[in-house]
Amino acid sequence: MAWWLTFHLLGVILWTGGLLAISRMAAYHVVEAREVQARFAWVEGRMYWLVAVPGLVITLITAAGIMHAGWMPYAEFDWFRGKAVLLALLAGLHVALHIMLGRLREHPERQKKAVFSAIHGSIGLTVIGILIMVMVRPGN
C-alpha cells in the first residue's frame, strides 16, 4: 500500500504542479512581446504533455490501485465524496486550461491575462480544498 500512496502523491505533485506552472506561464505569455510568444507556447506545450498529463495518468492509475487494494470503504465517508467533487472540478480546470492553451497558440492577441490568472487561482484553491479533505477529513 505504501508504494501505491508514494506514486499517487508523485502523480498528484506532477499533475497539479504542472497545471499551476503552465497557467502562470500562460498569463505571462499573453503580455509578452510577439517575438517570444512562440517560445512560451513551445514550453507550455512541453510542460503540458511531459509533466501535467503524465502526472494525471500516474494519479489515476495509482488511485485505481489504492481503491482495488482495499480502500474502497472510504467512498462512504463525506470527506471522500467532497474530495471526489473537488477532483472533478480540478479535471474540469485541466480541460479548460487545455482549451485555453490551444486558443492562446492560435490567437495570442485575443487572450486575457486575467483568464489564465483566474484558472491558476482556481487550481490552487481546489488543491487546497483537496488537501483539507484528505488531511482534516471534515464531517467524520
C-alpha atoms as a PDB file:
ATOM      1  CA  MET A   1       0.000   0.000   0.000  1.00  0.00           C
ATOM      2  CA  ALA A   2       2.849   2.397   0.773  1.00  0.00           C
ATOM      3  CA  TRP A   3       4.130   2.124  -2.804  1.00  0.00           C
ATOM      4  CA  TRP A   4       0.706   2.956  -4.214  1.00  0.00           C
ATOM      5  CA  LEU A   5       0.459   6.013  -1.971  1.00  0.00           C
ATOM      6  CA  THR A   6       4.004   7.126  -2.786  1.00  0.00           C
ATOM      7  CA  PHE A   7       3.421   7.041  -6.518  1.00  0.00           C
ATOM      8  CA  HIS A   8      -0.043   8.547  -6.099  1.00  0.00           C
ATOM      9  CA  LEU A   9       1.487  11.553  -4.328  1.00  0.00           C
ATOM     10  CA  LEU A  10       4.172  11.802  -7.016  1.00  0.00           C
ATOM     11  CA  GLY A  11       1.463  11.854  -9.691  1.00  0.00           C
ATOM     12  CA  VAL A  12      -0.556  14.476  -7.817  1.00  0.00           C
ATOM     13  CA  ILE A  13       2.511  16.696  -7.428  1.00  0.00           C
ATOM     14  CA  LEU A  14       3.393  16.398 -11.115  1.00  0.00           C
ATOM     15  CA  TRP A  15      -0.204  16.953 -12.249  1.00  0.00           C
ATOM     16  CA  THR A  16      -1.106  19.906 -10.051  1.00  0.00           C
ATOM     17  CA  GLY A  17       2.362  21.438 -10.141  1.00  0.00           C
ATOM     18  CA  GLY A  18       2.316  21.234 -13.916  1.00  0.00           C
ATOM     19  CA  LEU A  19      -1.112  22.835 -14.147  1.00  0.00           C
ATOM     20  CA  LEU A  20      -0.088  25.633 -11.777  1.00  0.00           C
ATOM     21  CA  ALA A  21       3.162  26.335 -13.623  1.00  0.00           C
ATOM     22  CA  ILE A  22       1.504  26.242 -17.052  1.00  0.00           C
ATOM     23  CA  SER A  23      -1.373  28.511 -16.057  1.00  0.00           C
ATOM     24  CA  ARG A  24       1.028  31.064 -14.563  1.00  0.00           C
ATOM     25  CA  MET A  25       3.301  30.896 -17.607  1.00  0.00           C
ATOM     26  CA  ALA A  26       0.297  31.359 -19.917  1.00  0.00           C
ATOM     27  CA  ALA A  27      -0.653  34.522 -18.019  1.00  0.00           C
ATOM     28  CA  TYR A  28       2.831  35.899 -18.745  1.00  0.00           C
ATOM     29  CA  HIS A  29       2.679  34.632 -22.332  1.00  0.00           C
ATOM     30  CA  VAL A  30      -0.314  36.869 -23.092  1.00  0.00           C
ATOM     31  CA  VAL A  31       1.521  40.083 -22.237  1.00  0.00           C
ATOM     32  CA  GLU A  32       4.931  39.234 -23.702  1.00  0.00           C
ATOM     33  CA  ALA A  33       6.337  40.618 -26.954  1.00  0.00           C
ATOM     34  CA  ARG A  34       5.337  38.801 -30.132  1.00  0.00           C
ATOM     35  CA  GLU A  35       8.914  37.592 -30.680  1.00  0.00           C
ATOM     36  CA  VAL A  36       8.950  35.429 -27.544  1.00  0.00           C
ATOM     37  CA  GLN A  37       5.375  34.138 -27.648  1.00  0.00           C
ATOM     38  CA  ALA A  38       6.289  31.176 -29.853  1.00  0.00           C
ATOM     39  CA  ARG A  39       8.876  30.087 -27.302  1.00  0.00           C
ATOM     40  CA  PHE A  40       6.328  30.415 -24.487  1.00  0.00           C
ATOM     41  CA  ALA A  41       3.883  28.252 -26.472  1.00  0.00           C
ATOM     42  CA  TRP A  42       6.572  25.617 -27.003  1.00  0.00           C
ATOM     43  CA  VAL A  43       7.489  25.484 -23.291  1.00  0.00           C
ATOM     44  CA  GLU A  44       3.813  25.396 -22.260  1.00  0.00           C
ATOM     45  CA  GLY A  45       3.184  22.513 -24.641  1.00  0.00           C
ATOM     46  CA  ARG A  46       6.185  20.563 -23.360  1.00  0.00           C
ATOM     47  CA  MET A  47       5.160  21.096 -19.747  1.00  0.00           C
ATOM     48  CA  TYR A  48       1.580  20.106 -20.512  1.00  0.00           C
ATOM     49  CA  TRP A  49       2.390  16.874 -22.354  1.00  0.00           C
ATOM     50  CA  LEU A  50       5.524  15.872 -20.421  1.00  0.00           C
ATOM     51  CA  VAL A  51       4.584  16.891 -16.861  1.00  0.00           C
ATOM     52  CA  ALA A  52       0.863  17.552 -16.329  1.00  0.00           C
ATOM     53  CA  VAL A  53      -0.604  14.755 -18.476  1.00  0.00           C
ATOM     54  CA  PRO A  54       1.775  12.028 -17.210  1.00  0.00           C
ATOM     55  CA  GLY A  55       1.084  13.252 -13.666  1.00  0.00           C
ATOM     56  CA  LEU A  56      -2.643  12.856 -14.299  1.00  0.00           C
ATOM     57  CA  VAL A  57      -2.156   9.358 -15.705  1.00  0.00           C
ATOM     58  CA  ILE A  58       0.005   8.300 -12.739  1.00  0.00           C
ATOM     59  CA  THR A  59      -2.574   9.783 -10.351  1.00  0.00           C
ATOM     60  CA  LEU A  60      -5.467   7.911 -11.966  1.00  0.00           C
ATOM     61  CA  ILE A  61      -3.643   4.572 -12.207  1.00  0.00           C
ATOM     62  CA  THR A  62      -2.455   4.694  -8.608  1.00  0.00           C
ATOM     63  CA  ALA A  63      -5.880   5.839  -7.375  1.00  0.00           C
ATOM     64  CA  ALA A  64      -7.376   2.762  -9.037  1.00  0.00           C
ATOM     65  CA  GLY A  65      -4.675   0.616  -7.404  1.00  0.00           C
ATOM     66  CA  ILE A  66      -5.361   2.121  -3.998  1.00  0.00           C
ATOM     67  CA  MET A  67      -9.104   1.560  -4.359  1.00  0.00           C
ATOM     68  CA  HIS A  68      -8.524  -2.020  -5.523  1.00  0.00           C
ATOM     69  CA  ALA A  69      -6.130  -2.675  -2.633  1.00  0.00           C
ATOM     70  CA  GLY A  70      -8.925  -2.318  -0.123  1.00  0.00           C
ATOM     71  CA  TRP A  71      -9.527   1.367   0.414  1.00  0.00           C
ATOM     72  CA  MET A  72     -12.938   1.251  -1.223  1.00  0.00           C
ATOM     73  CA  PRO A  73     -14.781   1.716   2.123  1.00  0.00           C
ATOM     74  CA  TYR A  74     -13.556   5.331   2.130  1.00  0.00           C
ATOM     75  CA  ALA A  75     -16.097   6.042  -0.608  1.00  0.00           C
ATOM     76  CA  GLU A  76     -18.762   6.000   2.111  1.00  0.00           C
ATOM     77  CA  PHE A  77     -17.268   8.950   4.005  1.00  0.00           C
ATOM     78  CA  ASP A  78     -18.338  12.550   3.458  1.00  0.00           C
ATOM     79  CA  TRP A  79     -14.753  13.819   3.192  1.00  0.00           C
ATOM     80  CA  PHE A  80     -14.064  11.345   0.393  1.00  0.00           C
ATOM     81  CA  ARG A  81     -17.156  12.486  -1.501  1.00  0.00           C
ATOM     82  CA  GLY A  82     -16.015  16.090  -1.045  1.00  0.00           C
ATOM     83  CA  LYS A  83     -12.606  15.133  -2.391  1.00  0.00           C
ATOM     84  CA  ALA A  84     -14.249  13.461  -5.392  1.00  0.00           C
ATOM     85  CA  VAL A  85     -16.242  16.616  -6.181  1.00  0.00           C
ATOM     86  CA  LEU A  86     -13.093  18.741  -5.956  1.00  0.00           C
ATOM     87  CA  LEU A  87     -11.218  16.260  -8.148  1.00  0.00           C
ATOM     88  CA  ALA A  88     -13.959  16.562 -10.766  1.00  0.00           C
ATOM     89  CA  LEU A  89     -13.570  20.348 -10.577  1.00  0.00           C
ATOM     90  CA  LEU A  90      -9.786  20.005 -10.970  1.00  0.00           C
ATOM     91  CA  ALA A  91     -10.281  17.758 -14.008  1.00  0.00           C
ATOM     92  CA  GLY A  92     -12.615  20.392 -15.479  1.00  0.00           C
ATOM     93  CA  LEU A  93      -9.996  23.076 -14.885  1.00  0.00           C
ATOM     94  CA  HIS A  94      -7.438  20.842 -16.601  1.00  0.00           C
ATOM     95  CA  VAL A  95      -9.691  20.593 -19.666  1.00  0.00           C
ATOM     96  CA  ALA A  96     -10.396  24.342 -19.600  1.00  0.00           C
ATOM     97  CA  LEU A  97      -6.669  25.093 -19.460  1.00  0.00           C
ATOM     98  CA  HIS A  98      -6.054  22.735 -22.377  1.00  0.00           C
ATOM     99  CA  ILE A  99      -8.691  24.537 -24.469  1.00  0.00           C
ATOM    100  CA  MET A 100      -7.363  27.959 -23.492  1.00  0.00           C
ATOM    101  CA  LEU A 101      -3.792  26.956 -24.386  1.00  0.00           C
ATOM    102  CA  GLY A 102      -4.983  25.996 -27.862  1.00  0.00           C
ATOM    103  CA  ARG A 103      -6.648  29.376 -28.263  1.00  0.00           C
ATOM    104  CA  LEU A 104      -3.535  31.090 -26.941  1.00  0.00           C
ATOM    105  CA  ARG A 105      -1.347  29.390 -29.553  1.00  0.00           C
ATOM    106  CA  GLU A 106      -3.739  30.341 -32.375  1.00  0.00           C
ATOM    107  CA  HIS A 107      -4.603  33.923 -31.380  1.00  0.00           C
ATOM    108  CA  PRO A 108      -2.458  35.225 -28.509  1.00  0.00           C
ATOM    109  CA  GLU A 109      -3.645  38.779 -29.085  1.00  0.00           C
ATOM    110  CA  ARG A 110      -7.262  37.810 -28.248  1.00  0.00           C
ATOM    111  CA  GLN A 111      -6.486  36.241 -24.876  1.00  0.00           C
ATOM    112  CA  LYS A 112      -6.645  37.938 -21.484  1.00  0.00           C
ATOM    113  CA  LYS A 113      -4.125  37.563 -18.699  1.00  0.00           C
ATOM    114  CA  ALA A 114      -6.949  37.651 -16.153  1.00  0.00           C
ATOM    115  CA  VAL A 115      -8.466  34.429 -17.541  1.00  0.00           C
ATOM    116  CA  PHE A 116      -5.252  32.477 -17.041  1.00  0.00           C
ATOM    117  CA  SER A 117      -4.748  34.071 -13.632  1.00  0.00           C
ATOM    118  CA  ALA A 118      -8.285  33.009 -12.661  1.00  0.00           C
ATOM    119  CA  ILE A 119      -7.615  29.446 -13.810  1.00  0.00           C
ATOM    120  CA  HIS A 120      -4.348  29.473 -11.851  1.00  0.00           C
ATOM    121  CA  GLY A 121      -6.083  30.681  -8.684  1.00  0.00           C
ATOM    122  CA  SER A 122      -8.928  28.208  -9.110  1.00  0.00           C
ATOM    123  CA  ILE A 123      -6.481  25.316  -9.471  1.00  0.00           C
ATOM    124  CA  GLY A 124      -4.640  26.456  -6.335  1.00  0.00           C
ATOM    125  CA  LEU A 125      -7.815  26.784  -4.270  1.00  0.00           C
ATOM    126  CA  THR A 126      -9.069  23.407  -5.476  1.00  0.00           C
ATOM    127  CA  VAL A 127      -5.802  21.736  -4.476  1.00  0.00           C
ATOM    128  CA  ILE A 128      -6.014  23.366  -1.042  1.00  0.00           C
ATOM    129  CA  GLY A 129      -9.582  22.077  -0.697  1.00  0.00           C
ATOM    130  CA  ILE A 130      -8.489  18.554  -1.620  1.00  0.00           C
ATOM    131  CA  LEU A 131      -5.683  18.693   0.935  1.00  0.00           C
ATOM    132  CA  ILE A 132      -8.156  19.784   3.616  1.00  0.00           C
ATOM    133  CA  MET A 133     -10.493  16.931   2.711  1.00  0.00           C
ATOM    134  CA  VAL A 134      -7.699  14.363   2.911  1.00  0.00           C
ATOM    135  CA  MET A 135      -5.841  15.643   5.962  1.00  0.00           C
ATOM    136  CA  VAL A 136      -8.627  17.065   8.173  1.00  0.00           C
ATOM    137  CA  ARG A 137     -11.410  14.732   6.959  1.00  0.00           C
ATOM    138  CA  PRO A 138     -14.278  17.045   7.918  1.00  0.00           C
ATOM    139  CA  GLY A 139     -17.630  15.504   8.697  1.00  0.00           C
ATOM    140  CA  ASN A 140     -16.317  12.211  10.019  1.00  0.00           C
END
